[in-house]
């Protein structure tokens, strides 16, 4: 745990008692603050009280007594309307912050030279975060990984000069972190997402930009217009990462599956991704190139980096190989909750039995039409079924399966019959999961269980 000592002797309001909220309350208490915690869910309130956290009704609280409101990132700050706690805090002149801000204040107060790598972007940030942490650990560094991926940041060990924190940040978390100033700030890419929470694309991009604005050194992917403009506005040290031919000025390139250090003369190949199953697809070329930019800035040599890539296990629910049955490969890409993310999966395979659907996002799957020729058959589940059927009609054969169990059974049988050299049964829903599942993890776990129950399945590496 990282105790939050910067509010010692003060009273702090906290709203949102999920995993990160509980960790935050315990961190503040360990650091000497009094915390009054609240949640709209009575069960979470009860669980917090059982953990020894003081709870109360913040509607009735004396807001003048609070030094800050610590808000869970999933609670609306601005759009579609501020949460009622935000209105009360602002009315009393109380700053509204998040758990990442508490970490940043603790680092500034106790160990400002502690290495802090912060990663954001619309797509790929979880894989890139995990890859950077893996490479640094393979290089012998003490690595703490968390934030929007896995462990809440304040549950990690405290910042220290000999310890690297590798932290994934969502736009919600950045919006609650006014003093964000990482050692290395990474911005991968920007496409429309979470606009219901940020209002429009310009505001969403501006929030993401704050991560690299405050960074001592920025690493920016320059393959979209928003990120290219952000890199152009940077005045501090910046490493540009580009997929394809050389971009604007020297930087790190990822071309045909090879990471190239274009900052050297002549440009030097660093690592070849071919054959690394956890890094399939052109989107992972960018992830690997960004990881090299960060690792090299922290002193990792190219040979150590290349060896670490080969042992990267990948992430659950993101292009995760579940197993094979005969020639059929089963891939769990449940983390693909929008079309842009699903595009990365479809681009990585040539002959796909595609399971998709759930709670639809704005825009649906029309943007994926260039990849429809790769789809042998689509299997529709959940609330998006009729919308997606209308988009696919006349372009891709499809079945209305309703449930994931029915889709896996039908797709597995059809893929085994179709005679292709390596048919792929791909769960890449392009949708949120909340119509049928608790989370994308729950959806991916269910897919994995269904596939593993198929007779004759060989696990990865067998």
Protein backbone atom coordinates (compact mmCIF):
# COMPACT_ATOMS: atom_id res chain seq x y z
CA UNK A 1 0.00 0.00 0.00
CA UNK A 2 0.99 3.63 -0.57
CA UNK A 3 -0.17 5.70 2.44
CA UNK A 4 -1.51 9.11 1.36
CA UNK A 5 0.15 11.38 3.89
CA UNK A 6 -0.53 14.69 2.16
CA UNK A 7 -3.95 14.93 3.81
CA UNK A 8 -2.74 13.95 7.28
CA UNK A 9 -4.80 15.64 10.00
CA UNK A 10 -7.52 16.69 7.53
CA UNK A 11 -10.98 15.37 6.71
CA UNK A 12 -11.62 14.04 3.22
CA UNK A 13 -14.91 13.11 1.55
CA UNK A 14 -14.82 10.04 -0.69
CA UNK A 15 -17.49 8.87 -3.11
CA UNK A 16 -17.40 5.50 -4.87
CA UNK A 17 -16.55 2.37 -2.92
CA UNK A 18 -15.57 -0.09 -5.61
CA UNK A 19 -12.10 -1.63 -5.56
CA UNK A 20 -10.16 1.58 -6.10
CA UNK A 21 -12.42 3.49 -3.70
CA UNK A 22 -11.79 1.03 -0.87
CA UNK A 23 -8.03 1.14 -1.56
CA UNK A 24 -8.14 4.94 -1.53
CA UNK A 25 -10.01 5.12 1.76
CA UNK A 26 -7.53 2.74 3.41
CA UNK A 27 -4.57 4.67 1.97
CA UNK A 28 -5.87 8.00 3.27
CA UNK A 29 -6.58 6.54 6.68
CA UNK A 30 -3.10 4.99 6.83
CA UNK A 31 -1.68 8.39 5.97
CA UNK A 32 -3.41 10.09 8.90
CA UNK A 33 -6.52 11.55 7.29
CA UNK A 34 -10.09 11.15 8.45
CA UNK A 35 -12.23 9.77 5.64
CA UNK A 36 -16.02 9.93 5.35
CA UNK A 37 -16.94 7.56 2.54
CA UNK A 38 -20.19 7.19 0.64
CA UNK A 39 -21.67 5.20 -2.23
CA UNK A 40 -25.11 5.01 -3.81
CA UNK A 41 -24.95 1.22 -3.34
CA UNK A 42 -25.88 0.21 0.25
CA UNK A 43 -24.01 -3.11 -0.10
CA UNK A 44 -20.77 -1.26 -0.85
CA UNK A 45 -21.37 1.02 2.11
CA UNK A 46 -21.78 -2.01 4.34
CA UNK A 47 -18.63 -3.66 2.98
CA UNK A 48 -16.63 -0.49 3.60
CA UNK A 49 -17.90 -0.25 7.17
CA UNK A 50 -16.89 -3.88 7.76
CA UNK A 51 -13.39 -2.97 6.51
CA UNK A 52 -13.18 -0.31 9.21
CA UNK A 53 -13.86 2.68 6.94
CA UNK A 54 -16.03 5.48 8.34
CA UNK A 55 -19.10 5.94 6.16
CA UNK A 56 -21.76 8.63 6.09
CA UNK A 57 -24.38 10.41 4.02
CA UNK A 58 -22.48 13.12 2.16
CA UNK A 59 -25.75 14.88 1.31
CA UNK A 60 -26.01 15.81 4.97
CA UNK A 61 -22.31 16.50 5.56
CA UNK A 62 -20.71 19.83 6.50
CA UNK A 63 -18.77 20.38 3.28
CA UNK A 64 -16.81 23.28 4.71
CA UNK A 65 -14.98 20.71 6.85
CA UNK A 66 -13.63 18.77 3.87
CA UNK A 67 -10.16 19.36 2.40
CA UNK A 68 -11.08 17.46 -0.80
CA UNK A 69 -13.60 15.20 -2.45
CA UNK A 70 -11.96 12.05 -3.81
CA UNK A 71 -14.20 10.79 -6.61
CA UNK A 72 -14.15 7.33 -8.18
CA UNK A 73 -13.29 7.63 -11.90
CA UNK A 74 -16.54 5.96 -12.97
CA UNK A 75 -18.64 8.75 -11.41
CA UNK A 76 -19.56 11.62 -13.80
CA UNK A 77 -17.47 14.75 -13.30
CA UNK A 78 -18.87 16.94 -16.11
CA UNK A 79 -21.08 15.01 -18.58
CA UNK A 80 -23.87 14.19 -19.05
CA UNK A 81 -24.21 16.09 -15.75
CA UNK A 82 -21.96 16.37 -12.69
CA UNK A 83 -22.70 13.91 -9.92
CA UNK A 84 -24.47 15.44 -6.92
CA UNK A 85 -21.31 15.17 -4.82
CA UNK A 86 -19.45 17.24 -7.41
CA UNK A 87 -22.08 19.97 -7.23
CA UNK A 88 -21.88 20.02 -3.42
CA UNK A 89 -18.08 20.10 -3.46
CA UNK A 90 -17.88 22.91 -5.99
CA UNK A 91 -20.51 24.88 -4.11
CA UNK A 92 -18.30 24.71 -1.01
CA UNK A 93 -15.05 25.43 -2.88
CA UNK A 94 -13.76 21.89 -2.22
CA UNK A 95 -11.36 20.48 -4.87
CA UNK A 96 -12.48 17.30 -6.66
CA UNK A 97 -9.67 14.82 -7.28
CA UNK A 98 -9.05 11.09 -7.79
CA UNK A 99 -6.75 8.39 -6.49
CA UNK A 100 -4.10 9.08 -9.16
CA UNK A 101 -3.86 12.63 -7.86
CA UNK A 102 -3.24 11.30 -4.36
CA UNK A 103 -0.38 9.19 -5.71
CA UNK A 104 1.08 12.15 -7.63
CA UNK A 105 0.98 14.33 -4.50
CA UNK A 106 2.61 11.60 -2.43
CA UNK A 107 5.37 11.14 -5.02
CA UNK A 108 5.97 14.91 -5.18
CA UNK A 109 6.16 15.12 -1.39
CA UNK A 110 8.27 12.07 -0.63
CA UNK A 111 10.15 10.82 -3.73
CA UNK A 112 10.00 13.20 -6.69
CA UNK A 113 12.75 11.34 -8.56
CA UNK A 114 10.85 8.04 -8.42
CA UNK A 115 10.33 6.81 -12.01
CA UNK A 116 6.67 7.08 -13.03
CA UNK A 117 5.50 5.90 -16.46
CA UNK A 118 1.90 6.88 -17.33
CA UNK A 119 0.18 5.41 -20.39
CA UNK A 120 -3.03 6.51 -22.09
CA UNK A 121 -4.75 6.39 -25.48
CA UNK A 122 -8.03 5.14 -26.88
CA UNK A 123 -6.85 1.66 -27.83
CA UNK A 124 -3.90 -0.51 -26.85
CA UNK A 125 -3.09 1.09 -23.51
CA UNK A 126 -3.58 -2.07 -21.43
CA UNK A 127 -1.37 -4.19 -23.67
CA UNK A 128 1.27 -1.47 -23.83
CA UNK A 129 1.21 -0.99 -20.06
CA UNK A 130 1.60 -4.73 -19.46
CA UNK A 131 4.33 -4.98 -22.11
CA UNK A 132 6.36 -2.11 -20.63
CA UNK A 133 6.06 -3.62 -17.15
CA UNK A 134 7.10 -7.03 -18.48
CA UNK A 135 10.14 -5.67 -20.30
CA UNK A 136 11.31 -3.68 -17.27
CA UNK A 137 10.83 -6.68 -14.98
CA UNK A 138 12.80 -8.88 -17.39
CA UNK A 139 15.53 -6.22 -17.26
CA UNK A 140 15.70 -6.69 -13.48
CA UNK A 141 13.81 -3.60 -12.40
CA UNK A 142 11.45 -3.38 -9.43
CA UNK A 143 8.15 -2.73 -11.24
CA UNK A 144 4.74 -1.81 -9.86
CA UNK A 145 1.93 -1.99 -12.45
CA UNK A 146 -1.63 -0.80 -11.95
CA UNK A 147 -4.09 2.04 -12.33
CA UNK A 148 -6.75 1.39 -14.95
CA UNK A 149 -5.30 -2.10 -15.40
CA UNK A 150 -5.58 -4.53 -12.52
CA UNK A 151 -4.42 -3.12 -9.20
CA UNK A 152 -5.56 0.25 -7.82
CA UNK A 153 -2.59 2.61 -7.75
CA UNK A 154 -2.71 3.18 -3.98
CA UNK A 155 -2.59 -0.57 -3.37
CA UNK A 156 0.86 -0.64 -4.96
CA UNK A 157 4.12 -0.19 -3.09
CA UNK A 158 5.10 3.47 -2.49
CA UNK A 159 7.16 5.48 -4.99
CA UNK A 160 10.91 5.09 -4.61
CA UNK A 161 13.95 6.03 -6.74
CA UNK A 162 14.72 2.34 -7.35
CA UNK A 163 11.14 1.35 -8.17
CA UNK A 164 9.28 2.03 -11.45
CA UNK A 165 5.52 2.60 -11.42
CA UNK A 166 3.95 1.71 -14.77
CA UNK A 167 0.39 3.04 -14.68
CA UNK A 168 -2.43 2.90 -17.21
CA UNK A 169 -4.69 5.95 -17.10
CA UNK A 170 -8.16 6.40 -18.55
CA UNK A 171 -9.49 9.80 -19.55
CA UNK A 172 -11.70 9.70 -16.43
CA UNK A 173 -8.63 9.30 -14.21
CA UNK A 174 -6.66 12.03 -15.99
CA UNK A 175 -9.60 14.41 -15.56
CA UNK A 176 -9.29 13.97 -11.79
CA UNK A 177 -5.50 14.47 -11.68
CA UNK A 178 -4.57 18.17 -11.94
CA UNK A 179 -0.93 17.69 -10.88
CA UNK A 180 -0.15 14.82 -13.27
CA UNK A 181 3.57 15.02 -14.11
CA UNK A 182 5.03 11.59 -14.92
CA UNK A 183 8.65 10.89 -15.75
CA UNK A 184 7.50 9.39 -19.05
CA UNK A 185 4.04 10.16 -20.45
CA UNK A 186 2.76 7.92 -23.25
CA UNK A 187 -0.08 8.80 -25.64
CA UNK A 188 -0.77 6.00 -28.09
CA UNK A 189 -3.67 7.14 -30.27
CA UNK A 190 -6.98 8.99 -30.22
CA UNK A 191 -10.30 8.04 -31.76
CA UNK A 192 -13.83 8.93 -30.55
CA UNK A 193 -14.70 7.21 -27.27
CA UNK A 194 -16.49 8.10 -24.02
CA UNK A 195 -17.99 11.20 -25.65
CA UNK A 196 -21.04 10.80 -23.41
CA UNK A 197 -18.70 11.53 -20.49
CA UNK A 198 -16.62 14.30 -22.09
CA UNK A 199 -19.04 16.14 -24.37
CA UNK A 200 -17.14 16.09 -27.64
CA UNK A 201 -13.93 14.87 -29.27
CA UNK A 202 -12.08 18.14 -28.69
CA UNK A 203 -12.58 17.92 -24.92
CA UNK A 204 -11.71 14.21 -24.86
CA UNK A 205 -8.46 14.89 -26.74
CA UNK A 206 -7.61 17.85 -24.49
CA UNK A 207 -7.94 15.68 -21.40
CA UNK A 208 -5.69 13.01 -22.89
CA UNK A 209 -3.15 15.66 -23.90
CA UNK A 210 -2.72 16.69 -20.27
CA UNK A 211 -0.87 13.45 -19.58
CA UNK A 212 1.95 14.34 -21.97
CA UNK A 213 1.85 18.09 -21.29
CA UNK A 214 3.05 17.52 -17.73
CA UNK A 215 5.52 14.74 -18.55
CA UNK A 216 9.27 15.25 -18.30
CA UNK A 217 9.58 13.15 -21.47
CA UNK A 218 6.69 12.29 -23.81
CA UNK A 219 6.25 9.30 -26.13
CA UNK A 220 3.52 9.98 -28.70
CA UNK A 221 2.12 7.85 -31.49
CA UNK A 222 1.70 10.10 -34.52
CA UNK A 223 -0.53 7.96 -36.72
CA UNK A 224 -3.70 10.03 -36.21
CA UNK A 225 -4.34 13.72 -36.66
CA UNK A 226 -5.08 14.47 -33.00
CA UNK A 227 -1.90 12.87 -31.68
CA UNK A 228 0.22 14.35 -34.46
CA UNK A 229 -1.00 17.82 -33.46
CA UNK A 230 -0.35 17.10 -29.79
CA UNK A 231 3.22 15.99 -30.55
CA UNK A 232 3.69 19.19 -32.54
CA UNK A 233 2.66 21.29 -29.56
CA UNK A 234 5.11 19.64 -27.19
CA UNK A 235 8.04 21.84 -26.19
CA UNK A 236 9.86 19.31 -24.00
CA UNK A 237 11.68 16.10 -24.98
CA UNK A 238 9.41 13.99 -27.20
CA UNK A 239 9.86 10.63 -28.92
CA UNK A 240 7.53 10.14 -31.87
CA UNK A 241 6.37 6.63 -32.75
CA UNK A 242 5.10 5.83 -36.22
CA UNK A 243 3.76 2.67 -37.87
CA UNK A 244 4.87 2.36 -41.49
CA UNK A 245 7.46 4.45 -43.27
CA UNK A 246 9.47 7.20 -41.57
CA UNK A 247 7.29 9.87 -39.96
CA UNK A 248 7.97 13.45 -38.97
CA UNK A 249 11.56 13.60 -37.78
CA UNK A 250 13.61 10.83 -36.17
CA UNK A 251 11.76 8.51 -33.86
CA UNK A 252 10.80 4.89 -33.36
CA UNK A 253 9.29 3.06 -36.33
CA UNK A 254 7.30 -0.15 -36.56
CA UNK A 255 7.36 -1.49 -40.10
CA UNK A 256 6.24 -4.94 -41.30
CA UNK A 257 6.45 -6.32 -37.78
CA UNK A 258 9.93 -4.98 -37.06
CA UNK A 259 10.67 -2.31 -34.44
CA UNK A 260 13.28 0.12 -35.76
CA UNK A 261 15.18 2.80 -33.85
CA UNK A 262 15.08 5.68 -36.32
CA UNK A 263 16.96 7.94 -33.94
CA UNK A 264 20.18 6.23 -34.93
CA UNK A 265 22.08 6.72 -38.15
CA UNK A 266 21.66 4.40 -39.90
CA UNK A 267 18.29 3.31 -38.48
CA UNK A 268 18.71 0.12 -36.48
CA UNK A 269 16.28 -2.83 -36.32
CA UNK A 270 15.61 -3.66 -32.69
CA UNK A 271 13.13 -6.53 -32.60
CA UNK A 272 11.11 -8.75 -34.95
CA UNK A 273 7.56 -9.52 -33.78
CA UNK A 274 6.88 -12.33 -36.25
CA UNK A 275 5.99 -15.53 -34.43
CA UNK A 276 5.10 -13.80 -31.15
CA UNK A 277 1.48 -14.87 -30.70
CA UNK A 278 0.75 -12.33 -27.96
CA UNK A 279 1.71 -9.49 -30.32
CA UNK A 280 -0.25 -10.32 -33.45
CA UNK A 281 -1.44 -7.54 -35.73
CA UNK A 282 -0.26 -4.12 -36.86
CA UNK A 283 -1.76 -2.48 -33.76
CA UNK A 284 0.74 -4.43 -31.66
CA UNK A 285 3.56 -3.06 -33.79
CA UNK A 286 2.75 0.33 -32.30
CA UNK A 287 2.47 -1.11 -28.80
CA UNK A 288 5.90 -2.75 -29.10
CA UNK A 289 7.51 0.36 -30.59
CA UNK A 290 6.15 2.51 -27.77
CA UNK A 291 7.39 -0.04 -25.22
CA UNK A 292 10.86 0.19 -26.76
CA UNK A 293 10.80 3.99 -26.61
CA UNK A 294 9.99 3.84 -22.89
CA UNK A 295 12.36 0.99 -22.07
CA UNK A 296 15.29 2.58 -23.88
CA UNK A 297 14.66 5.87 -22.06
CA UNK A 298 14.97 3.91 -18.82
CA UNK A 299 18.24 2.26 -19.84
CA UNK A 300 17.09 -1.10 -21.26
CA UNK A 301 19.36 -2.27 -24.09
CA UNK A 302 17.96 -3.50 -27.44
CA UNK A 303 19.05 -7.12 -26.87
CA UNK A 304 17.31 -7.29 -23.48
CA UNK A 305 14.21 -5.68 -25.00
CA UNK A 306 14.04 -8.17 -27.87
CA UNK A 307 14.42 -11.15 -25.53
CA UNK A 308 11.68 -9.79 -23.25
CA UNK A 309 9.24 -9.42 -26.16
CA UNK A 310 9.57 -13.10 -26.98
CA UNK A 311 8.44 -14.10 -23.47
CA UNK A 312 5.51 -11.65 -23.22
CA UNK A 313 2.40 -13.69 -22.31
CA UNK A 314 -0.14 -11.11 -23.47
CA UNK A 315 -3.26 -9.96 -21.67
CA UNK A 316 -6.38 -11.89 -20.79
CA UNK A 317 -9.31 -10.90 -23.03
CA UNK A 318 -7.13 -9.04 -25.56
CA UNK A 319 -6.27 -11.22 -28.56
CA UNK A 320 -5.84 -14.04 -26.05
CA UNK A 321 -5.23 -17.45 -27.58
CA UNK A 322 -7.50 -19.89 -25.74
CA UNK A 323 -6.56 -23.01 -27.66
CA UNK A 324 -6.88 -25.01 -30.87
CA UNK A 325 -9.11 -27.84 -32.01
CA UNK A 326 -7.76 -29.36 -35.18
CA UNK A 327 -6.91 -26.40 -37.42
CA UNK A 328 -9.32 -24.06 -35.62
CA UNK A 329 -7.81 -21.30 -33.46
CA UNK A 330 -9.97 -19.76 -30.70
CA UNK A 331 -9.25 -16.12 -29.76
CA UNK A 332 -10.74 -14.22 -26.80
CA UNK A 333 -10.85 -10.51 -27.62
CA UNK A 334 -13.63 -9.60 -25.18
CA UNK A 335 -11.84 -6.35 -24.29
CA UNK A 336 -12.76 -5.03 -27.75
CA UNK A 337 -15.73 -2.95 -26.64
CA UNK A 338 -15.81 -0.64 -29.68
CA UNK A 339 -15.37 -0.95 -33.43
CA UNK A 340 -11.91 0.62 -33.45
CA UNK A 341 -10.66 -2.05 -31.08
CA UNK A 342 -12.33 -4.86 -33.02
CA UNK A 343 -10.73 -3.54 -36.22
CA UNK A 344 -7.33 -4.50 -34.77
CA UNK A 345 -8.45 -8.09 -34.28
CA UNK A 346 -10.10 -8.47 -37.69
CA UNK A 347 -6.99 -7.07 -39.39
CA UNK A 348 -4.83 -9.76 -37.73
CA UNK A 349 -6.63 -12.77 -39.25
CA UNK A 350 -7.66 -13.83 -42.76
CA UNK A 351 -10.51 -16.28 -42.21
CA UNK A 352 -12.74 -15.45 -39.27
CA UNK A 353 -15.83 -16.87 -37.61
CA UNK A 354 -16.75 -13.71 -35.75
CA UNK A 355 -18.78 -13.61 -32.53
CA UNK A 356 -20.00 -10.07 -31.83
CA UNK A 357 -22.67 -8.06 -30.11
CA UNK A 358 -23.71 -6.76 -26.72
CA UNK A 359 -24.63 -3.24 -25.68
CA UNK A 360 -23.83 -1.22 -28.82
CA UNK A 361 -21.62 1.85 -28.99
CA UNK A 362 -22.32 4.89 -31.16
CA UNK A 363 -21.54 4.20 -34.80
CA UNK A 364 -22.01 0.45 -34.57
CA UNK A 365 -19.84 -1.66 -36.88
CA UNK A 366 -20.29 0.14 -40.21
CA UNK A 367 -16.66 1.30 -40.09
CA UNK A 368 -15.52 -2.34 -40.17
CA UNK A 369 -16.91 -2.96 -43.68
CA UNK A 370 -13.41 -3.12 -45.27
CA UNK A 371 -12.76 -6.22 -43.14
CA UNK A 372 -16.02 -8.01 -43.95
CA UNK A 373 -14.36 -10.07 -46.75
CA UNK A 374 -12.27 -11.72 -44.02
CA UNK A 375 -15.39 -12.92 -42.19
CA UNK A 376 -16.64 -16.38 -43.15
CA UNK A 377 -19.66 -16.06 -40.87
CA UNK A 378 -20.84 -13.78 -38.05
CA UNK A 379 -22.63 -14.93 -34.90
CA UNK A 380 -24.72 -12.22 -33.25
CA UNK A 381 -25.46 -12.00 -29.53
CA UNK A 382 -27.09 -9.54 -27.17
CA UNK A 383 -28.87 -6.23 -27.58
CA UNK A 384 -27.03 -5.19 -30.76
CA UNK A 385 -28.31 -8.18 -32.75
CA UNK A 386 -30.80 -6.42 -35.01
CA UNK A 387 -28.66 -3.32 -35.58
CA UNK A 388 -25.69 -5.47 -36.54
CA UNK A 389 -27.83 -7.78 -38.67
CA UNK A 390 -28.93 -4.75 -40.69
CA UNK A 391 -25.29 -3.71 -41.24
CA UNK A 392 -24.13 -7.20 -42.23
CA UNK A 393 -27.12 -8.05 -44.41
CA UNK A 394 -26.00 -8.83 -47.96
CA UNK A 395 -22.32 -8.55 -47.07
CA UNK A 396 -21.59 -11.25 -44.47
CA UNK A 397 -23.53 -14.45 -43.70
CA UNK A 398 -24.76 -14.28 -40.12
CA UNK A 399 -26.75 -16.11 -37.48
CA UNK A 400 -28.83 -14.65 -34.67
CA UNK A 401 -27.50 -16.72 -31.78
CA UNK A 402 -28.75 -14.67 -28.84
CA UNK A 403 -26.38 -16.08 -26.23
CA UNK A 404 -22.63 -16.55 -26.13
CA UNK A 405 -23.02 -20.27 -25.44
CA UNK A 406 -25.08 -20.75 -28.61
CA UNK A 407 -22.63 -18.66 -30.63
CA UNK A 408 -19.58 -20.64 -29.49
CA UNK A 409 -21.24 -23.95 -30.25
CA UNK A 410 -22.34 -22.89 -33.74
CA UNK A 411 -19.07 -21.13 -34.60
CA UNK A 412 -16.90 -24.04 -33.44
CA UNK A 413 -18.85 -26.53 -35.53
CA UNK A 414 -18.90 -24.31 -38.62
CA UNK A 415 -15.19 -23.47 -38.41
CA UNK A 416 -14.30 -27.14 -38.17
CA UNK A 417 -16.30 -27.85 -41.34
CA UNK A 418 -15.17 -24.97 -43.55
CA UNK A 419 -11.86 -26.43 -44.79
CA UNK A 420 -9.70 -23.32 -44.39
CA UNK A 421 -6.05 -23.91 -43.35
CA UNK A 422 -6.49 -21.97 -40.08
CA UNK A 423 -10.04 -20.81 -39.40
CA UNK A 424 -10.31 -18.52 -36.38
CA UNK A 425 -13.25 -18.38 -33.97
CA UNK A 426 -12.94 -14.81 -32.72
CA UNK A 427 -14.88 -13.23 -29.89
CA UNK A 428 -14.43 -9.53 -30.60
CA UNK A 429 -17.79 -8.00 -29.68
CA UNK A 430 -17.36 -4.30 -30.66
CA UNK A 431 -19.80 -3.66 -27.81
CA UNK A 432 -20.00 -3.12 -24.10
CA UNK A 433 -20.92 -6.22 -22.11
CA UNK A 434 -23.53 -4.90 -19.70
CA UNK A 435 -26.61 -6.28 -21.43
CA UNK A 436 -25.67 -9.88 -20.57
CA UNK A 437 -22.52 -9.78 -18.42
CA UNK A 438 -21.08 -7.89 -15.45
CA UNK A 439 -18.01 -6.76 -17.39
CA UNK A 440 -15.91 -7.55 -20.43
CA UNK A 441 -13.81 -9.77 -18.12
CA UNK A 442 -16.92 -11.74 -17.16
CA UNK A 443 -17.79 -12.11 -20.85
CA UNK A 444 -14.27 -13.25 -21.73
CA UNK A 445 -14.14 -15.69 -18.83
CA UNK A 446 -17.39 -17.23 -20.04
CA UNK A 447 -16.04 -17.56 -23.59
CA UNK A 448 -12.86 -19.18 -22.30
CA UNK A 449 -14.85 -21.68 -20.22
CA UNK A 450 -17.10 -22.57 -23.16
CA UNK A 451 -14.14 -23.12 -25.48
CA UNK A 452 -12.18 -25.16 -22.95
CA UNK A 453 -15.18 -27.44 -22.57
CA UNK A 454 -15.04 -28.38 -26.28
CA UNK A 455 -13.79 -31.96 -26.78
CA UNK A 456 -10.33 -32.23 -28.30
CA UNK A 457 -9.20 -28.69 -27.48
CA UNK A 458 -5.42 -28.22 -27.20
CA UNK A 459 -4.28 -25.42 -24.86
CA UNK A 460 -1.81 -22.77 -26.09
CA UNK A 461 1.69 -24.16 -26.51
CA UNK A 462 0.56 -27.79 -26.51
